[in-house]
Protein backbone atom coordinates (compact mmCIF):
# COMPACT_ATOMS: atom_id res chain seq x y z
CA MET A 1 13.47 -11.57 -16.91
CA ALA A 2 12.81 -15.30 -17.32
CA VAL A 3 10.99 -16.11 -20.32
CA CYS A 4 10.16 -19.25 -22.41
CA ARG A 5 12.88 -20.50 -24.66
CA LEU A 6 11.82 -20.16 -28.15
CA ALA A 7 11.81 -23.34 -30.26
CA ILE A 8 13.21 -21.90 -33.38
CA ALA A 9 15.28 -24.48 -35.42
CA PHE A 10 17.83 -21.90 -36.69
CA LEU A 11 18.97 -21.17 -33.29
CA THR A 12 20.73 -24.74 -33.36
CA VAL A 13 22.55 -23.89 -36.44
CA TRP A 14 23.34 -20.38 -35.39
CA PHE A 15 25.16 -21.31 -32.17
CA THR A 16 27.21 -24.07 -33.32
CA GLY A 17 29.20 -21.56 -35.10
CA ILE A 18 28.14 -22.08 -38.77
CA ARG A 19 27.92 -18.82 -40.48
CA LEU A 20 27.60 -17.56 -43.92
CA HIS A 21 29.49 -14.18 -43.34
CA ALA A 22 31.27 -12.60 -40.64
CA GLN A 23 28.99 -11.56 -38.00
CA ALA A 24 29.79 -9.17 -35.02
CA ASP A 25 28.30 -10.56 -31.87
CA ARG A 26 28.26 -9.24 -28.36
CA HIS A 27 31.25 -10.62 -26.23
CA VAL A 28 32.69 -9.80 -22.67
CA VAL A 29 36.50 -9.79 -22.73
CA TYR A 30 37.81 -10.81 -19.22
CA PHE A 31 41.19 -9.12 -18.29
CA LYS A 32 43.86 -10.90 -16.05
CA ASP A 33 44.77 -7.96 -13.82
CA LYS A 34 44.52 -4.25 -13.47
CA ASN A 35 48.35 -3.61 -13.68
CA ASN A 36 49.69 -0.09 -13.92
CA SER A 37 46.52 1.45 -13.19
CA PRO A 38 46.52 5.19 -12.53
CA TYR A 39 44.03 4.72 -9.87
CA SER A 40 44.43 4.06 -6.19
CA VAL A 41 42.40 2.49 -3.37
CA GLN A 42 43.88 5.44 -1.34
CA GLN A 43 42.17 7.97 -3.64
CA PRO A 44 38.87 6.69 -4.16
CA GLY A 45 37.39 10.08 -4.81
CA ALA A 46 38.85 9.86 -8.46
CA PHE A 47 36.52 7.17 -9.37
CA LEU A 48 33.70 7.04 -6.54
CA SER A 49 31.41 9.80 -5.58
CA GLU A 50 31.60 11.56 -2.16
CA ARG A 51 28.32 9.72 -1.36
CA SER A 52 29.36 6.20 -2.28
CA ILE A 53 32.49 6.73 -0.09
CA LYS A 54 30.48 7.75 2.73
CA ARG A 55 28.13 4.61 2.41
CA ARG A 56 31.16 2.31 2.82
CA THR A 57 32.61 4.17 5.56
CA HIS A 58 29.40 4.09 7.26
CA SER A 59 29.27 0.43 6.89
CA GLY A 60 33.13 0.07 7.76
CA ILE A 61 33.66 -1.25 4.17
CA ALA A 62 37.28 -0.70 2.54
CA VAL A 63 37.50 0.34 -0.97
CA SER A 64 39.40 -2.50 -2.69
CA THR A 65 41.31 -3.32 -5.81
CA GLU A 66 37.99 -4.69 -7.29
CA ASP A 67 36.65 -1.16 -7.30
CA LEU A 68 39.46 0.18 -9.27
CA PRO A 69 38.43 0.97 -12.89
CA VAL A 70 39.38 -1.23 -15.64
CA ASN A 71 42.76 -0.72 -17.37
CA SER A 72 42.15 1.71 -20.11
CA THR A 73 45.12 0.77 -22.02
CA TYR A 74 43.70 -2.67 -22.20
CA VAL A 75 40.44 -1.57 -23.65
CA SER A 76 42.27 0.58 -26.01
CA GLN A 77 44.21 -2.31 -27.27
CA VAL A 78 40.96 -4.38 -27.60
CA HIS A 79 39.65 -1.58 -29.66
CA ALA A 80 42.58 -1.49 -31.76
CA THR A 81 41.52 -4.89 -33.05
CA GLY A 82 38.65 -3.29 -34.98
CA ALA A 83 35.95 -4.40 -32.24
CA ARG A 84 33.65 -1.74 -30.99
CA THR A 85 34.03 -1.42 -27.23
CA TYR A 86 31.29 -0.40 -24.72
CA PHE A 87 30.78 -0.71 -20.83
CA THR A 88 33.28 -1.85 -18.47
CA SER A 89 32.89 -3.57 -15.30
CA ARG A 90 35.26 -2.59 -12.33
CA TRP A 91 34.11 -5.55 -10.21
CA MET A 92 34.55 -8.38 -12.86
CA ASN A 93 37.32 -6.73 -14.67
CA VAL A 94 35.64 -6.87 -18.28
CA VAL A 95 34.68 -4.97 -21.16
CA LEU A 96 31.78 -5.55 -23.38
CA VAL A 97 32.52 -5.60 -27.03
CA GLU A 98 30.80 -6.17 -30.43
CA ALA A 99 33.39 -8.24 -32.41
CA THR A 100 33.58 -10.72 -35.37
CA PRO A 101 34.85 -14.05 -34.93
CA ALA A 102 38.26 -12.97 -36.18
CA GLN A 103 38.46 -10.00 -33.94
CA ILE A 104 37.55 -12.24 -31.02
CA THR A 105 40.45 -14.25 -32.16
CA SER A 106 42.76 -11.53 -32.20
CA ILE A 107 41.49 -10.45 -28.77
CA ALA A 108 41.96 -13.67 -26.91
CA ALA A 109 45.60 -13.60 -28.12
CA LEU A 110 46.27 -10.44 -26.37
CA PRO A 111 48.75 -10.99 -23.21
CA PHE A 112 46.46 -9.44 -20.84
CA VAL A 113 43.37 -10.91 -21.72
CA GLN A 114 42.09 -14.09 -19.65
CA ARG A 115 39.12 -15.24 -21.78
CA THR A 116 36.14 -13.96 -23.83
CA GLU A 117 32.58 -14.97 -23.55
CA LEU A 118 29.76 -14.74 -26.11
CA VAL A 119 26.75 -12.96 -24.19
CA ALA A 120 24.34 -12.34 -27.11
CA PRO A 121 24.28 -12.61 -30.87
CA ASP A 122 24.24 -9.56 -33.22
CA GLN A 123 25.17 -5.83 -32.84
CA GLN A 124 22.85 -3.76 -31.01
CA LEU A 125 24.86 -1.09 -29.13
CA LEU A 126 25.22 1.47 -31.93
CA GLY A 127 23.02 3.86 -29.85
CA GLY A 128 19.85 5.88 -30.02
CA ARG A 129 17.73 2.95 -31.30
CA MET A 130 14.20 3.17 -30.40
CA GLY A 131 12.76 -0.08 -28.95
CA LYS A 132 9.16 -1.50 -29.07
CA THR A 133 6.68 -1.06 -26.09
CA LYS A 134 4.66 -4.21 -24.81
CA ASN A 135 2.23 -4.08 -22.13
CA GLY A 136 1.42 -6.80 -19.95
CA LEU A 137 -2.11 -7.97 -18.88
CA ALA A 138 -3.58 -5.72 -16.30
CA THR A 139 -7.14 -4.75 -15.35
CA PRO A 140 -8.32 -1.17 -14.96
CA THR A 141 -9.58 -0.03 -11.93
CA GLU A 142 -10.21 2.96 -9.44
CA THR A 143 -8.53 1.37 -6.67
CA SER A 144 -6.43 2.75 -4.12
CA THR A 145 -2.89 1.50 -2.87
CA ASP A 146 -4.34 1.11 0.60
CA VAL A 147 -4.05 -2.56 0.81
CA GLN A 148 -0.44 -3.01 -0.30
CA LEU A 149 0.79 -0.11 2.04
CA ASN A 150 -1.29 -1.16 5.08
CA MET A 151 0.15 -4.83 4.68
CA LEU A 152 3.68 -3.60 5.36
CA GLY A 153 2.95 -0.84 7.63
CA LEU A 154 3.94 1.70 4.87
CA ASP A 155 0.74 4.04 5.85
CA LYS A 156 1.93 4.23 9.34
CA MET A 157 5.65 4.99 8.30
CA HIS A 158 4.13 7.64 6.11
CA ILE A 159 2.14 9.26 8.79
CA GLU A 160 5.42 9.47 10.93
CA GLY A 161 7.22 11.22 8.23
CA PHE A 162 9.32 8.53 6.76
CA ARG A 163 8.71 8.49 2.82
CA GLY A 164 12.25 7.79 1.64
CA ASN A 165 13.50 11.51 2.05
CA GLY A 166 17.20 11.65 1.20
CA ILE A 167 17.38 7.93 0.22
CA MET A 168 18.58 7.12 -3.26
CA ILE A 169 17.11 4.10 -5.14
CA ALA A 170 18.45 2.77 -8.33
CA VAL A 171 15.90 0.82 -10.51
CA PHE A 172 16.68 -1.63 -13.17
CA ASP A 173 14.05 -2.69 -15.57
CA ALA A 174 12.95 -3.27 -19.12
CA GLY A 175 11.65 0.56 -19.74
CA PHE A 176 9.96 3.42 -18.14
CA PRO A 177 7.43 4.92 -21.01
CA GLY A 178 5.39 7.86 -19.59
CA ILE A 179 7.55 8.50 -16.52
CA ASN A 180 8.69 11.86 -17.81
CA THR A 181 5.25 12.94 -18.81
CA LEU A 182 2.85 11.73 -16.33
CA GLN A 183 1.64 14.06 -13.50
CA PRO A 184 1.95 11.44 -10.59
CA PHE A 185 5.61 11.35 -11.23
CA GLN A 186 6.24 14.96 -12.07
CA SER A 187 7.59 15.85 -8.36
CA ILE A 188 10.47 13.68 -8.99
CA PHE A 189 11.70 16.05 -11.66
CA ASP A 190 10.47 19.25 -10.21
CA GLN A 191 12.36 18.52 -6.89
CA GLY A 192 15.63 17.40 -8.60
CA ARG A 193 15.08 13.80 -7.46
CA MET A 194 15.61 12.10 -10.79
CA ILE A 195 19.41 11.63 -10.43
CA MET A 196 20.55 9.51 -13.36
CA THR A 197 19.18 7.46 -16.26
CA LYS A 198 20.92 5.15 -18.73
CA ASP A 199 19.78 2.55 -21.41
CA TYR A 200 22.18 -0.27 -21.26
CA VAL A 201 20.34 -2.25 -23.92
CA TYR A 202 20.76 -0.04 -26.83
CA ASN A 203 23.38 2.30 -25.46
CA SER A 204 21.05 5.34 -25.47
CA ASN A 205 20.21 8.14 -23.01
CA ASN A 206 16.38 7.78 -23.45
CA VAL A 207 14.86 5.40 -20.81
CA TYR A 208 11.45 6.66 -21.39
CA GLN A 209 10.61 4.15 -23.94
CA TYR A 210 10.49 0.37 -24.71
CA ASN A 211 8.52 -2.10 -22.28
CA ALA A 212 6.27 -0.48 -19.62
CA HIS A 213 7.02 -3.15 -16.93
CA GLY A 214 9.61 -0.69 -15.20
CA THR A 215 7.07 2.25 -15.24
CA GLU A 216 4.73 -0.18 -13.23
CA VAL A 217 7.31 -1.22 -10.85
CA LEU A 218 8.47 2.32 -10.32
CA SER A 219 4.90 3.46 -9.64
CA VAL A 220 4.56 0.95 -6.75
CA MET A 221 7.39 3.22 -5.10
CA ALA A 222 7.46 6.66 -6.66
CA ALA A 223 3.90 7.86 -7.89
CA ASN A 224 1.39 9.91 -6.22
CA ASN A 225 -1.54 11.29 -8.15
CA GLY A 226 -3.23 13.05 -5.11
CA MET A 227 -6.21 10.80 -5.36
CA GLY A 228 -5.48 7.46 -3.54
CA PHE A 229 -2.56 6.09 -5.43
CA VAL A 230 0.57 6.66 -3.26
CA GLY A 231 3.76 4.98 -3.81
CA GLY A 232 5.64 3.43 -0.72
CA ALA A 233 8.85 5.66 -1.15
CA ASP A 234 7.36 8.80 -3.07
CA ALA A 235 10.00 11.16 -1.53
CA ALA A 236 13.04 9.16 -2.43
CA ALA A 237 15.44 10.15 -5.28
CA TYR A 238 15.84 7.82 -8.39
CA LEU A 239 18.15 6.30 -10.78
CA LEU A 240 16.66 4.60 -13.73
CA PHE A 241 18.38 2.00 -15.78
CA VAL A 242 17.22 -0.03 -18.52
CA THR A 243 19.07 -3.59 -18.49
CA GLU A 244 16.35 -5.88 -19.66
CA ASP A 245 15.97 -6.58 -23.50
CA TYR A 246 12.28 -7.69 -23.33
CA ASN A 247 12.37 -8.94 -27.01
CA THR A 248 15.13 -11.54 -26.28
CA GLU A 249 16.84 -13.39 -23.51
CA TYR A 250 20.59 -13.79 -23.38
CA ARG A 251 23.05 -13.41 -20.76
CA ILE A 252 24.02 -9.91 -21.82
CA GLU A 253 21.04 -8.73 -19.56
CA GLU A 254 23.08 -10.18 -16.59
CA PHE A 255 26.04 -7.93 -17.47
CA ASN A 256 23.62 -5.12 -18.32
CA TRP A 257 22.58 -5.53 -14.50
CA LEU A 258 26.21 -5.41 -13.47
CA PHE A 259 27.02 -2.40 -15.51
CA ALA A 260 24.04 -0.63 -13.78
CA ALA A 261 24.86 -1.72 -10.44
CA GLU A 262 28.37 -0.31 -10.70
CA LYS A 263 27.03 2.95 -12.02
CA ALA A 264 24.47 3.02 -8.95
CA ASP A 265 27.51 2.16 -6.59
CA SER A 266 29.61 5.11 -7.98
CA ALA A 267 26.61 7.69 -7.70
CA GLY A 268 26.03 6.91 -4.16
CA ALA A 269 22.66 4.69 -4.30
CA ASP A 270 21.39 3.30 -1.05
CA ILE A 271 19.08 0.66 -2.65
CA ILE A 272 18.96 -1.31 -5.86
CA GLN A 273 15.34 -2.29 -6.76
CA ALA A 274 15.29 -5.00 -9.76
CA SER A 275 12.19 -6.96 -10.56
CA LEU A 276 14.30 -9.26 -12.77
CA GLY A 277 15.35 -12.81 -12.72
CA TYR A 278 17.28 -15.23 -15.01
CA ASN A 279 17.29 -18.96 -15.49
CA PHE A 280 16.64 -19.85 -19.19
CA PHE A 281 17.83 -18.30 -22.38
CA ASP A 282 17.31 -18.15 -25.82
CA ASP A 283 20.48 -19.97 -26.41
CA TYR A 284 20.08 -23.21 -24.00
CA ASN A 285 23.98 -23.20 -23.55
CA MET A 286 23.71 -20.10 -21.30
CA ASP A 287 20.94 -21.78 -19.00
CA TYR A 288 21.47 -22.39 -15.35
CA ALA A 289 20.75 -25.43 -13.65
CA ILE A 290 19.03 -25.56 -10.26
CA THR A 291 22.24 -26.68 -8.86
CA SER A 292 23.59 -23.08 -9.75
CA LEU A 293 21.24 -21.45 -7.15
CA ASP A 294 23.96 -20.86 -4.63
CA GLY A 295 24.08 -17.00 -4.81
CA LYS A 296 27.57 -17.14 -6.43
CA SER A 297 27.23 -18.89 -10.00
CA ALA A 298 25.11 -16.76 -11.97
CA VAL A 299 26.60 -13.64 -13.32
CA VAL A 300 23.71 -11.59 -11.99
CA SER A 301 23.97 -13.18 -8.56
CA LYS A 302 27.64 -12.35 -8.47
CA ALA A 303 26.91 -8.63 -9.31
CA ALA A 304 24.29 -8.63 -6.71
CA GLY A 305 26.72 -9.90 -4.26
CA PHE A 306 29.11 -7.09 -5.22
CA ALA A 307 26.54 -4.44 -4.57
CA ARG A 308 25.66 -6.02 -1.17
CA ASP A 309 29.31 -5.89 -0.09
CA ARG A 310 29.52 -2.24 -1.03
CA GLY A 311 26.79 -1.43 1.56
CA MET A 312 23.79 -1.20 -0.79
CA ILE A 313 20.61 -2.84 0.14
CA VAL A 314 19.50 -5.19 -2.75
CA CYS A 315 15.79 -5.72 -3.24
CA VAL A 316 14.83 -8.26 -6.03
CA SER A 317 11.89 -10.28 -6.97
CA ALA A 318 11.73 -14.02 -5.96
CA GLY A 319 10.49 -15.15 -9.49
CA ASN A 320 6.97 -16.24 -10.97
CA GLU A 321 8.08 -19.91 -11.35
CA GLY A 322 5.67 -21.42 -8.51
CA THR A 323 3.40 -23.47 -10.88
CA LYS A 324 6.23 -24.23 -13.38
CA PRO A 325 8.44 -27.42 -13.64
CA TRP A 326 11.26 -25.04 -12.39
CA HIS A 327 9.45 -23.72 -9.27
CA TYR A 328 12.21 -22.34 -7.52
CA ILE A 329 13.39 -18.76 -7.07
CA THR A 330 15.46 -17.22 -10.09
CA PRO A 331 19.07 -15.49 -9.84
CA PRO A 332 19.76 -13.24 -8.27
CA ALA A 333 17.15 -14.02 -5.66
CA ASP A 334 19.54 -16.91 -4.53
CA VAL A 335 21.92 -14.39 -3.14
CA ASP A 336 22.46 -14.33 0.83
CA GLY A 337 22.12 -11.00 2.62
CA ILE A 338 19.63 -9.61 0.11
CA LEU A 339 15.94 -8.98 0.11
CA ALA A 340 14.35 -11.50 -2.17
CA THR A 341 10.52 -10.89 -2.21
CA GLY A 342 7.80 -13.36 -2.87
CA ALA A 343 4.07 -12.55 -3.51
CA VAL A 344 1.19 -12.98 -1.35
CA THR A 345 -2.65 -12.12 -1.76
CA ALA A 346 -4.67 -9.83 0.07
CA SER A 347 -5.67 -12.42 2.39
CA LEU A 348 -2.08 -13.05 3.24
CA THR A 349 -1.83 -16.50 1.66
CA LYS A 350 0.89 -17.32 -0.80
CA ALA A 351 0.16 -16.47 -4.43
CA SER A 352 0.58 -19.77 -6.37
CA PHE A 353 2.93 -18.31 -9.07
CA SER A 354 5.44 -17.08 -6.33
CA SER A 355 8.71 -19.24 -6.49
CA PHE A 356 9.80 -21.49 -3.84
CA GLY A 357 13.04 -21.98 -2.06
CA PRO A 358 15.49 -23.30 -1.01
CA THR A 359 18.94 -22.38 -2.42
CA ALA A 360 21.09 -25.12 -3.74
CA ASP A 361 22.95 -24.64 -0.55
CA GLY A 362 20.00 -25.09 1.58
CA ARG A 363 19.25 -21.56 2.65
CA ILE A 364 15.76 -20.45 3.20
CA LYS A 365 14.31 -18.45 0.27
CA PRO A 366 12.32 -16.20 -0.43
CA ASP A 367 13.32 -13.94 2.25
CA VAL A 368 10.18 -11.78 2.88
CA MET A 369 6.82 -11.57 1.10
CA ALA A 370 4.50 -8.65 0.05
CA LEU A 371 1.30 -8.19 -1.95
CA GLY A 372 1.75 -9.39 -5.45
CA SER A 373 -1.28 -10.70 -6.35
CA ASN A 374 -3.78 -7.94 -7.80
CA ALA A 375 -1.32 -5.18 -6.64
CA ALA A 376 -2.20 -1.55 -7.56
CA ILE A 377 0.20 -0.15 -10.39
CA MET A 378 0.09 2.78 -12.82
CA ARG A 379 0.47 2.08 -16.33
CA GLN A 380 2.15 4.34 -18.90
CA ASP A 381 -1.06 6.07 -19.82
CA GLY A 382 -1.47 7.22 -16.10
CA SER A 383 -4.48 4.68 -15.59
CA ILE A 384 -4.71 2.78 -12.59
CA ALA A 385 -4.74 -1.26 -12.80
CA LEU A 386 -4.52 -4.39 -10.72
CA SER A 387 -1.65 -6.58 -11.81
CA SER A 388 -0.07 -9.74 -10.47
CA GLY A 389 3.78 -10.68 -10.12
CA THR A 390 6.67 -10.79 -7.52
CA SER A 391 7.79 -7.79 -9.65
CA PHE A 392 5.25 -5.66 -7.70
CA ALA A 393 5.96 -7.20 -4.26
CA SER A 394 9.61 -6.43 -4.38
CA PRO A 395 9.32 -2.57 -4.70
CA LEU A 396 7.00 -2.50 -1.75
CA VAL A 397 9.89 -4.04 0.30
CA ALA A 398 12.25 -1.65 -1.14
CA SER A 399 9.80 1.23 -0.01
CA LEU A 400 9.91 -0.21 3.42
CA ALA A 401 13.75 -0.30 3.53
CA ALA A 402 14.05 3.37 2.24
CA GLY A 403 11.60 4.56 4.92
CA LEU A 404 13.59 2.61 7.60
CA LEU A 405 16.92 3.93 6.26
CA GLN A 406 15.55 7.70 6.64
CA ALA A 407 14.19 6.66 10.41
CA TYR A 408 17.30 4.96 11.48
CA PRO A 409 20.12 6.66 9.72
CA GLY A 410 22.59 5.17 12.40
CA LEU A 411 21.75 1.50 11.35
CA LYS A 412 24.30 -0.27 8.77
CA PRO A 413 22.36 -1.48 5.68
CA ALA A 414 23.16 -5.10 6.41
CA GLN A 415 21.84 -4.59 9.97
CA LEU A 416 18.48 -3.40 8.54
CA VAL A 417 18.24 -6.17 6.13
CA GLN A 418 18.64 -8.64 9.09
CA ILE A 419 16.18 -6.84 11.24
CA ILE A 420 13.50 -6.60 8.45
CA ARG A 421 13.84 -10.28 8.01
CA SER A 422 14.07 -11.16 11.88
CA THR A 423 11.08 -9.21 12.59
CA ALA A 424 8.79 -10.56 9.82
CA SER A 425 5.61 -12.47 10.54
CA LYS A 426 7.02 -16.18 10.18
CA SER A 427 10.67 -15.22 11.60
CA ALA A 428 10.17 -17.92 14.39
CA GLU A 429 9.15 -20.45 11.79
CA PRO A 430 10.65 -19.57 8.36
CA ASP A 431 10.04 -21.94 5.24
CA ASN A 432 10.70 -22.13 1.63
CA SER A 433 7.07 -21.05 0.61
CA LEU A 434 6.72 -17.73 2.52
CA GLY A 435 10.15 -17.30 3.65
CA TYR A 436 10.30 -15.16 6.98
CA GLY A 437 6.95 -13.76 6.17
CA ILE A 438 5.53 -10.57 5.57
CA PRO A 439 7.49 -7.58 7.15
CA HIS A 440 6.06 -4.47 8.90
CA TYR A 441 7.30 -0.93 9.72
CA LEU A 442 6.05 -1.33 13.16
CA ALA A 443 7.65 -4.59 13.90
CA VAL A 444 11.16 -2.91 13.01
CA LYS A 445 10.22 0.02 14.98
CA ASN A 446 9.15 -2.03 17.91
CA TYR A 447 12.51 -4.04 17.61
CA MET A 448 14.52 -0.74 17.56
CA THR A 449 12.73 0.45 20.82
CA VAL A 450 13.28 -2.93 22.44
CA SER A 451 16.80 -3.27 21.43
CA GLU A 452 17.76 0.16 23.27
CA LEU A 453 16.63 -1.46 26.91
CA ASN A 454 18.84 -3.86 28.99
CA ASP A 455 16.15 -5.89 30.81
CA ASP A 456 14.94 -9.16 29.20
CA ILE A 457 11.43 -8.23 30.00
CA PHE A 458 10.53 -4.50 31.15
CA LEU A 459 7.58 -2.43 31.99
CA PHE A 460 6.96 1.14 31.03
CA PRO A 461 5.81 3.99 31.79
CA ASN A 462 5.65 3.76 35.69
CA PRO A 463 3.77 5.66 36.80
CA SER A 464 1.20 4.88 34.03
CA VAL A 465 -1.79 6.73 32.97
CA GLY A 466 -3.81 5.24 29.77
CA SER A 467 -1.81 2.20 29.09
CA VAL A 468 1.10 0.08 30.37
CA PHE A 469 3.62 -1.72 28.19
CA ILE A 470 5.50 -5.02 28.43
CA GLY A 471 8.47 -5.48 26.22
CA PHE A 472 10.37 -8.60 25.71
CA ALA A 473 14.15 -8.14 24.29
CA THR A 474 13.83 -11.69 22.94
CA LEU A 475 10.61 -12.86 21.22
CA PRO A 476 8.88 -15.46 23.05
CA LEU A 477 8.01 -18.42 21.07
CA GLU A 478 5.11 -19.62 23.32
CA PRO A 479 2.17 -17.83 24.86
CA VAL A 480 2.71 -15.31 27.69
CA SER A 481 0.50 -15.39 30.77
CA LEU A 482 -0.40 -12.13 32.06
CA VAL A 483 -2.00 -12.00 35.51
CA MET A 484 -2.58 -8.47 37.32
CA THR A 485 -3.64 -8.02 40.90
CA ASP A 486 -4.42 -4.99 43.02
CA LEU A 487 -3.08 -4.38 46.41
CA ALA A 488 -5.85 -6.40 47.88
CA GLY A 489 -5.00 -9.64 46.01
CA ARG A 490 -7.86 -9.28 43.47
CA THR A 491 -7.42 -10.56 40.05
CA VAL A 492 -8.05 -7.64 37.64
CA MET A 493 -6.77 -9.36 34.39
CA ASP A 494 -5.90 -12.88 33.45
CA THR A 495 -4.98 -13.56 29.93
CA SER A 496 -2.38 -14.98 27.51
CA VAL A 497 -0.88 -13.69 24.50
CA LEU A 498 1.71 -14.83 21.91
CA PRO A 499 3.67 -11.64 20.83
CA ASP A 500 5.36 -10.76 17.61
CA TRP A 501 7.21 -7.86 16.63
CA GLN A 502 4.18 -5.88 15.62
CA ASN A 503 2.80 -6.17 19.27
CA ASN A 504 5.89 -6.19 21.22
CA PRO A 505 5.89 -4.14 23.45
CA LEU A 506 2.57 -5.54 24.47
CA GLU A 507 -0.03 -2.61 25.29
CA ILE A 508 -2.17 -3.28 28.45
CA PRO A 509 -4.90 -0.57 28.51
CA LEU A 510 -5.62 0.73 32.24
CA SER A 511 -8.67 3.03 31.49
CA ASN A 512 -11.12 0.73 33.57
CA LEU A 513 -8.75 0.47 36.59
CA ALA A 514 -8.88 2.93 39.60
CA SER A 515 -5.78 4.69 40.52
CA GLY A 516 -3.47 2.85 42.69
CA LEU A 517 -0.72 0.13 43.01
CA TYR A 518 -0.74 -2.91 41.03
CA VAL A 519 1.21 -6.11 40.47
CA LEU A 520 1.72 -7.93 37.15
CA LYS A 521 2.92 -11.42 36.88
CA VAL A 522 4.44 -12.30 33.57
CA SER A 523 5.16 -15.80 33.11
CA VAL A 524 6.83 -17.33 30.02
CA SER A 525 8.83 -20.36 29.48
CA GLY A 526 8.27 -21.47 33.06
CA LYS A 527 9.84 -18.25 34.52
CA VAL A 528 7.71 -15.78 36.45
CA ASN A 529 8.60 -12.06 36.53
CA VAL A 530 6.85 -9.95 39.12
CA MET A 531 6.58 -6.13 38.41
CA ARG A 532 4.79 -3.53 40.21
CA PHE A 533 3.39 -0.14 38.75
CA LEU A 534 1.44 2.87 39.75
CA LYS A 535 -1.77 3.66 37.79
CA MET A 536 -2.31 7.55 38.18
C-alpha cells in the first residue's frame, strides 16, 4: 500500500551498507533454472489442485514450466549456508531468505543462483508474531449498502440469484481482525466457505489480527448483517492472505503478493481482489518511476500478469494518488487485462483522490469505476461506517465479476473482463479519468442476450403483448430514431434515444395501443430498418 516515505536520516546510512554488526535481512534468491525437477507439466496434479487445472482447461491455458515448483535441492543448498529459507515462487523461480551479508555472498556464489535482491531489512519471519492493529478514519453510520450495490446493479444480480455461489475469491490485504468472530461473517465459516488463510508478513497462520483495512475491504464483498448491510458477493468462498505490512513499506510486500497469488492459483481461486498499490518505499532505491507503469516492470505487476495468464480475474484498486504530485495509478493497476477500479461519488462524479491514467505505454486506465467516496463498510467491531478510497470500489467490481462468473459459467474469465469493460457507461468514449466508466450487471446481461442473436437490429417478441424490444448487436454511437405507425399510416410514436448497454435492448411499452399490426422504422447512421409486429 503506497505510503509517504519516512524522512529518517539513519535510513541513508543503513542502506549504504554501513553496519556495526552482521545483520540478517530479507532477500529473494533467483535461480537460473528448474533442472532435474521431479515434477512434470504432463502431471500437473502433483502441484496444482483439480480446481486449478479445470480453470486452466476452461480457458485453454496449458500448464507450463513456469508453473513447476522451485527445485527443492537448490533451496536446501541455500539453506545449508546458514540462511533461513521461507516461501518460494514458481512463476519467478525464487526463494525468500533471511540472511547475513556473509551468507548472501555464499548464496550468490552457488552455481545455480542467478542473482540475489534485498527486499527488506531485518528479520521478521520467525512466525507467530502478533502485529499491531491500526484503524483508518471512518464515520459511524446506520447506512445500508443500497447505493453501492445499486450503482453496479448488484441488487438486481442478487434478486436473480447470483451472489457468487461456487466462486472462490482470494483477498490480499493488511489484516482481517474480527472476521472470525463477527456475526455478519459467520455464515462463511458455518457453510465451509473459508477455504484458506495465510499470513505472509510474519509467517503465521493467524490472519485475524493486524490492520483492519482487510476487514473493511472484505465486508464490502462478504458481510451480511441481516439489517441492510449486504456484501456484493456474500455467497462466495474466500481465501484470506496477509501480504501488506502496514508498519513499513518495502518491496517484500510485492513478493508477498506474488506468493499469495501462487497459493490462490494452486488452490483454484477464480478471482483475486487486492486493494493494494506500490510506487514509493521506505528505501528510495526501491521506488518506481512513472515510466515503470507499463504493466511489466514492477514485481507486483509481473505477479498480477502471471495470475491473469492462469485464468484468474484480477481486481485491484487504481490508487488514491489523484491529488498528489504522483497522480497516476499505482502498480499493479497498470497491468493489461485486469480490472483496475477507480472511485466515484454517489452522484457518479470522479472522486478527487482517485488516480489517473494512462499507463507508460499509453493504455487507458483505470479500467472501470465504482463507489469509493463514502462507501459503506463494516469495521472490526461490527459497526457500520462510511469510508473513502479506491480500496472500497475494487471489491464491488470483484463482487460483480463473481456474480457474472456464476451467471455465465461458459464464459472464459478473460472474455468476462473484456465484456465488463466494453459495456461500462463510458465504453464509447473512455478516458484516463473515468476509464471505461461504471459497469453494470444489466449491461452485461443485455450484451449476453444480444450476442446470442444474429441480426444487427432485431425486434422481439413478435407477436407482443405488454412491450416490444429493439436490440442492437453493435451499440450505436449516435441517437436512434424510432417512428411507429399503424396500418392506416397514423404515427403513434416518434422519438429518439441513445442506447447504452443498460437499455439495449430498448423497451417500447405497448399498453396504450390497440391490438393490431404496426410498422416500426428504426433509423440509425443513415440507414432505415423497417420492422412489422403484431400487438395482441
